[in-house]
């Protein structure tokens, strides 16, 4: 329906080579905000919806150095952190550099 916006919104999706994973809850506003930033940048990411799944949350926490809050973002298996961490990286100009790196 809004396909005419794709060239504007997905600025350089062909440059994004990183493997991006995000753990979320469906109604979490921080999760939604983090996914919007990734979407805005044209990132195709793997989303793990862990609502009420304590086993999945424990697996996420193990990967995220004990952090149990959502979202938790990983780029090329590197733990980035949560929504605020993702936006801080973007503000500092560090996020784009990670997104163009192919997964090893």
N, C-alpha and C. Protein backbone atom coordinates (compact mmCIF):
# COMPACT_ATOMS: atom_id res chain seq x y z
N UNK A 1 0.80 -1.19 0.00
CA UNK A 1 0.00 0.00 0.00
C UNK A 1 0.85 1.26 0.00
N UNK A 2 1.89 1.28 0.81
CA UNK A 2 2.76 2.44 0.87
C UNK A 2 4.10 2.17 0.19
N UNK A 3 4.08 1.32 -0.83
CA UNK A 3 5.31 0.93 -1.50
C UNK A 3 6.08 2.12 -2.07
N UNK A 4 5.37 3.20 -2.38
CA UNK A 4 6.04 4.36 -2.95
C UNK A 4 7.03 4.99 -1.95
N UNK A 5 6.90 4.66 -0.67
CA UNK A 5 7.80 5.20 0.35
C UNK A 5 9.09 4.39 0.49
N UNK A 6 9.13 3.19 -0.05
CA UNK A 6 10.30 2.34 0.12
C UNK A 6 11.61 2.99 -0.31
N UNK A 7 11.68 3.66 -1.44
CA UNK A 7 12.95 4.29 -1.80
C UNK A 7 13.39 5.36 -0.81
N UNK A 8 12.45 6.00 -0.17
CA UNK A 8 12.78 7.05 0.80
C UNK A 8 13.19 6.43 2.13
N UNK A 9 12.41 5.47 2.60
CA UNK A 9 12.62 4.91 3.93
C UNK A 9 13.78 3.94 3.98
N UNK A 10 13.90 3.09 3.02
CA UNK A 10 14.99 2.10 2.99
C UNK A 10 16.14 2.68 2.18
N UNK A 11 16.91 3.51 2.84
CA UNK A 11 17.92 4.30 2.14
C UNK A 11 18.95 3.45 1.41
N UNK A 12 19.51 2.45 2.07
CA UNK A 12 20.53 1.62 1.42
C UNK A 12 20.44 0.18 1.90
N UNK A 13 19.29 -0.48 1.74
CA UNK A 13 19.17 -1.84 2.28
C UNK A 13 20.14 -2.82 1.63
N UNK A 14 20.59 -2.54 0.41
CA UNK A 14 21.51 -3.46 -0.25
C UNK A 14 22.88 -3.45 0.42
N UNK A 15 23.18 -2.43 1.19
CA UNK A 15 24.47 -2.34 1.87
C UNK A 15 24.48 -3.09 3.19
N UNK A 16 23.31 -3.39 3.73
CA UNK A 16 23.23 -4.06 5.03
C UNK A 16 23.54 -5.54 4.83
N UNK A 17 24.67 -5.97 5.39
CA UNK A 17 25.09 -7.36 5.24
C UNK A 17 25.13 -8.10 6.57
N UNK A 18 24.97 -7.37 7.66
CA UNK A 18 25.10 -7.95 8.99
C UNK A 18 23.93 -8.87 9.32
N UNK A 19 24.22 -9.83 10.18
CA UNK A 19 23.19 -10.69 10.74
C UNK A 19 22.69 -10.01 12.01
N UNK A 20 21.45 -9.55 12.00
CA UNK A 20 20.89 -8.81 13.12
C UNK A 20 19.79 -9.64 13.76
N UNK A 21 19.86 -9.79 15.09
CA UNK A 21 18.87 -10.53 15.86
C UNK A 21 18.37 -9.63 16.98
N UNK A 22 17.08 -9.72 17.28
CA UNK A 22 16.50 -8.91 18.34
C UNK A 22 15.49 -9.74 19.11
N UNK A 23 15.63 -9.72 20.43
CA UNK A 23 14.69 -10.38 21.32
C UNK A 23 13.67 -9.34 21.77
N UNK A 24 12.39 -9.67 21.67
CA UNK A 24 11.34 -8.69 21.93
C UNK A 24 10.17 -9.28 22.70
N UNK A 25 9.33 -8.38 23.19
CA UNK A 25 7.97 -8.66 23.62
C UNK A 25 7.08 -7.90 22.68
N UNK A 26 5.95 -8.44 22.35
CA UNK A 26 5.06 -7.87 21.35
C UNK A 26 4.62 -6.44 21.68
N UNK A 27 4.29 -6.16 22.92
CA UNK A 27 3.75 -4.85 23.27
C UNK A 27 4.76 -3.91 23.91
N UNK A 28 6.01 -4.28 23.96
CA UNK A 28 7.05 -3.46 24.58
C UNK A 28 7.35 -2.23 23.72
N UNK A 29 7.15 -1.02 24.26
CA UNK A 29 7.40 0.19 23.46
C UNK A 29 8.87 0.35 23.06
N UNK A 30 9.80 -0.11 23.91
CA UNK A 30 11.21 -0.01 23.56
C UNK A 30 11.57 -0.98 22.43
N UNK A 31 10.92 -2.15 22.43
CA UNK A 31 11.12 -3.12 21.35
C UNK A 31 10.62 -2.54 20.03
N UNK A 32 9.46 -1.94 20.07
CA UNK A 32 8.88 -1.34 18.87
C UNK A 32 9.79 -0.24 18.35
N UNK A 33 10.30 0.57 19.25
CA UNK A 33 11.19 1.68 18.86
C UNK A 33 12.49 1.15 18.24
N UNK A 34 13.07 0.11 18.83
CA UNK A 34 14.30 -0.47 18.29
C UNK A 34 14.06 -1.06 16.90
N UNK A 35 12.93 -1.78 16.75
CA UNK A 35 12.61 -2.36 15.44
C UNK A 35 12.37 -1.27 14.40
N UNK A 36 11.77 -0.15 14.80
CA UNK A 36 11.56 0.95 13.87
C UNK A 36 12.87 1.52 13.35
N UNK A 37 13.86 1.66 14.23
CA UNK A 37 15.16 2.15 13.78
C UNK A 37 15.78 1.19 12.78
N UNK A 38 15.74 -0.11 13.10
CA UNK A 38 16.30 -1.10 12.18
C UNK A 38 15.55 -1.09 10.86
N UNK A 39 14.23 -1.03 10.92
CA UNK A 39 13.41 -0.98 9.70
C UNK A 39 13.75 0.25 8.88
N UNK A 40 13.88 1.39 9.56
CA UNK A 40 14.20 2.66 8.89
C UNK A 40 15.52 2.55 8.12
N UNK A 41 16.45 1.79 8.67
CA UNK A 41 17.75 1.62 8.03
C UNK A 41 17.75 0.51 6.98
N UNK A 42 16.62 -0.14 6.79
CA UNK A 42 16.53 -1.19 5.78
C UNK A 42 17.09 -2.52 6.22
N UNK A 43 17.16 -2.75 7.52
CA UNK A 43 17.73 -3.98 8.07
C UNK A 43 16.68 -5.07 8.09
N UNK A 44 17.03 -6.22 7.56
CA UNK A 44 16.20 -7.41 7.71
C UNK A 44 16.77 -8.15 8.91
N UNK A 45 15.96 -8.31 9.93
CA UNK A 45 16.45 -8.88 11.17
C UNK A 45 15.63 -10.09 11.57
N UNK A 46 16.23 -10.93 12.39
CA UNK A 46 15.53 -12.07 12.97
C UNK A 46 15.00 -11.63 14.32
N UNK A 47 13.69 -11.79 14.50
CA UNK A 47 13.06 -11.40 15.74
C UNK A 47 12.66 -12.63 16.53
N UNK A 48 13.05 -12.63 17.81
CA UNK A 48 12.64 -13.69 18.73
C UNK A 48 11.64 -13.08 19.70
N UNK A 49 10.39 -13.43 19.54
CA UNK A 49 9.34 -12.93 20.43
C UNK A 49 9.29 -13.85 21.64
N UNK A 50 9.65 -13.33 22.79
CA UNK A 50 9.80 -14.18 23.97
C UNK A 50 8.74 -13.90 25.03
N UNK A 51 7.61 -13.34 24.64
CA UNK A 51 6.52 -13.06 25.58
C UNK A 51 6.20 -14.32 26.39
N UNK A 52 6.26 -14.23 27.69
CA UNK A 52 5.86 -15.30 28.61
C UNK A 52 6.62 -16.61 28.41
N UNK A 53 7.77 -16.58 27.76
CA UNK A 53 8.56 -17.78 27.54
C UNK A 53 9.84 -17.67 28.37
N UNK A 54 9.78 -18.21 29.57
CA UNK A 54 10.91 -18.05 30.50
C UNK A 54 12.17 -18.76 30.01
N UNK A 55 12.02 -19.86 29.29
CA UNK A 55 13.18 -20.56 28.74
C UNK A 55 13.88 -19.69 27.70
N UNK A 56 13.10 -19.09 26.81
CA UNK A 56 13.67 -18.20 25.79
C UNK A 56 14.33 -16.99 26.44
N UNK A 57 13.70 -16.47 27.49
CA UNK A 57 14.27 -15.31 28.19
C UNK A 57 15.60 -15.69 28.84
N UNK A 58 15.69 -16.87 29.41
CA UNK A 58 16.94 -17.34 30.01
C UNK A 58 18.02 -17.49 28.95
N UNK A 59 17.66 -18.01 27.78
CA UNK A 59 18.62 -18.13 26.68
C UNK A 59 19.11 -16.75 26.24
N UNK A 60 18.19 -15.79 26.15
CA UNK A 60 18.55 -14.42 25.80
C UNK A 60 19.51 -13.85 26.83
N UNK A 61 19.20 -14.03 28.11
CA UNK A 61 20.02 -13.49 29.19
C UNK A 61 21.43 -14.09 29.16
N UNK A 62 21.51 -15.36 28.82
CA UNK A 62 22.82 -16.00 28.72
C UNK A 62 23.66 -15.33 27.62
N UNK A 63 23.05 -15.04 26.50
CA UNK A 63 23.75 -14.37 25.40
C UNK A 63 24.05 -12.91 25.72
N UNK A 64 23.18 -12.29 26.54
CA UNK A 64 23.25 -10.85 26.79
C UNK A 64 23.96 -10.53 28.11
N UNK A 65 24.88 -11.36 28.52
CA UNK A 65 25.67 -11.10 29.72
C UNK A 65 24.79 -10.87 30.95
N UNK A 66 23.71 -11.63 31.05
CA UNK A 66 22.83 -11.57 32.21
C UNK A 66 21.69 -10.57 32.10
N UNK A 67 21.67 -9.76 31.07
CA UNK A 67 20.58 -8.78 30.93
C UNK A 67 19.30 -9.50 30.55
N UNK A 68 18.22 -9.19 31.30
CA UNK A 68 16.94 -9.86 31.09
C UNK A 68 15.88 -8.91 30.54
N UNK A 69 16.20 -7.66 30.37
CA UNK A 69 15.23 -6.71 29.83
C UNK A 69 15.18 -6.84 28.31
N UNK A 70 14.07 -6.43 27.75
CA UNK A 70 13.92 -6.44 26.29
C UNK A 70 13.77 -5.00 25.82
N UNK A 71 14.20 -4.74 24.61
CA UNK A 71 14.82 -5.65 23.65
C UNK A 71 16.30 -5.88 23.97
N UNK A 72 16.83 -6.93 23.42
CA UNK A 72 18.27 -7.17 23.39
C UNK A 72 18.63 -7.39 21.94
N UNK A 73 19.61 -6.65 21.47
CA UNK A 73 19.99 -6.64 20.06
C UNK A 73 21.39 -7.23 19.91
N UNK A 74 21.53 -8.06 18.88
CA UNK A 74 22.82 -8.66 18.54
C UNK A 74 23.09 -8.39 17.06
N UNK A 75 24.29 -7.93 16.77
CA UNK A 75 24.71 -7.74 15.38
C UNK A 75 25.94 -8.60 15.16
N UNK A 76 25.83 -9.53 14.22
CA UNK A 76 26.90 -10.50 13.96
C UNK A 76 27.36 -11.18 15.26
N UNK A 77 26.39 -11.61 16.05
CA UNK A 77 26.61 -12.30 17.33
C UNK A 77 27.28 -11.44 18.38
N UNK A 78 27.44 -10.15 18.13
CA UNK A 78 27.97 -9.22 19.12
C UNK A 78 26.80 -8.58 19.85
N UNK A 79 26.82 -8.64 21.17
CA UNK A 79 25.75 -8.06 21.96
C UNK A 79 25.85 -6.53 21.91
N UNK A 80 24.80 -5.89 21.41
CA UNK A 80 24.75 -4.44 21.31
C UNK A 80 24.11 -3.85 22.55
N UNK A 81 23.07 -4.49 23.05
CA UNK A 81 22.36 -4.01 24.22
C UNK A 81 20.90 -3.80 23.88
N UNK A 82 20.29 -2.85 24.58
CA UNK A 82 18.88 -2.57 24.40
C UNK A 82 18.61 -1.42 23.46
N UNK A 83 17.40 -0.92 23.52
CA UNK A 83 16.95 0.15 22.63
C UNK A 83 17.82 1.40 22.78
N UNK A 84 18.04 1.83 24.01
CA UNK A 84 18.84 3.04 24.22
C UNK A 84 20.26 2.86 23.70
N UNK A 85 20.83 1.68 23.88
CA UNK A 85 22.17 1.40 23.38
C UNK A 85 22.21 1.46 21.86
N UNK A 86 21.19 0.91 21.22
CA UNK A 86 21.10 0.92 19.76
C UNK A 86 21.03 2.35 19.23
N UNK A 87 20.17 3.16 19.84
CA UNK A 87 20.03 4.55 19.41
C UNK A 87 21.30 5.36 19.70
N UNK A 88 21.98 5.06 20.81
CA UNK A 88 23.22 5.77 21.12
C UNK A 88 24.29 5.46 20.08
N UNK A 89 24.37 4.20 19.67
CA UNK A 89 25.31 3.83 18.61
C UNK A 89 25.00 4.57 17.32
N UNK A 90 23.72 4.67 17.01
CA UNK A 90 23.32 5.36 15.79
C UNK A 90 23.68 6.85 15.87
N UNK A 91 23.42 7.46 17.03
CA UNK A 91 23.74 8.88 17.21
C UNK A 91 25.23 9.14 17.07
N UNK A 92 26.05 8.22 17.56
CA UNK A 92 27.51 8.36 17.47
C UNK A 92 28.06 7.99 16.09
N UNK A 93 27.19 7.50 15.19
CA UNK A 93 27.63 7.10 13.86
C UNK A 93 28.30 5.74 13.82
N UNK A 94 28.10 4.93 14.85
CA UNK A 94 28.75 3.62 14.91
C UNK A 94 27.88 2.49 14.36
N UNK A 95 26.58 2.69 14.30
CA UNK A 95 25.67 1.60 13.92
C UNK A 95 25.82 1.24 12.44
N UNK A 96 25.85 2.22 11.58
CA UNK A 96 25.95 1.93 10.14
C UNK A 96 27.19 1.13 9.81
N UNK A 97 28.31 1.42 10.48
CA UNK A 97 29.55 0.69 10.22
C UNK A 97 29.40 -0.80 10.56
N UNK A 98 28.65 -1.10 11.62
CA UNK A 98 28.42 -2.50 11.97
C UNK A 98 27.47 -3.18 10.98
N UNK A 99 26.49 -2.44 10.52
CA UNK A 99 25.47 -3.03 9.65
C UNK A 99 26.00 -3.41 8.28
N UNK A 100 27.08 -2.79 7.82
CA UNK A 100 27.60 -3.12 6.50
C UNK A 100 28.62 -4.25 6.54
N UNK A 101 28.97 -4.70 7.75
CA UNK A 101 29.90 -5.81 7.87
C UNK A 101 29.16 -7.13 7.75
N UNK A 102 29.66 -7.99 6.91
CA UNK A 102 29.06 -9.33 6.76
C UNK A 102 29.39 -10.18 7.98
N UNK A 103 28.47 -11.07 8.31
CA UNK A 103 28.71 -11.98 9.43
C UNK A 103 29.88 -12.89 9.11
N UNK A 104 30.69 -13.17 10.11
CA UNK A 104 31.86 -14.03 9.90
C UNK A 104 31.48 -15.48 9.93
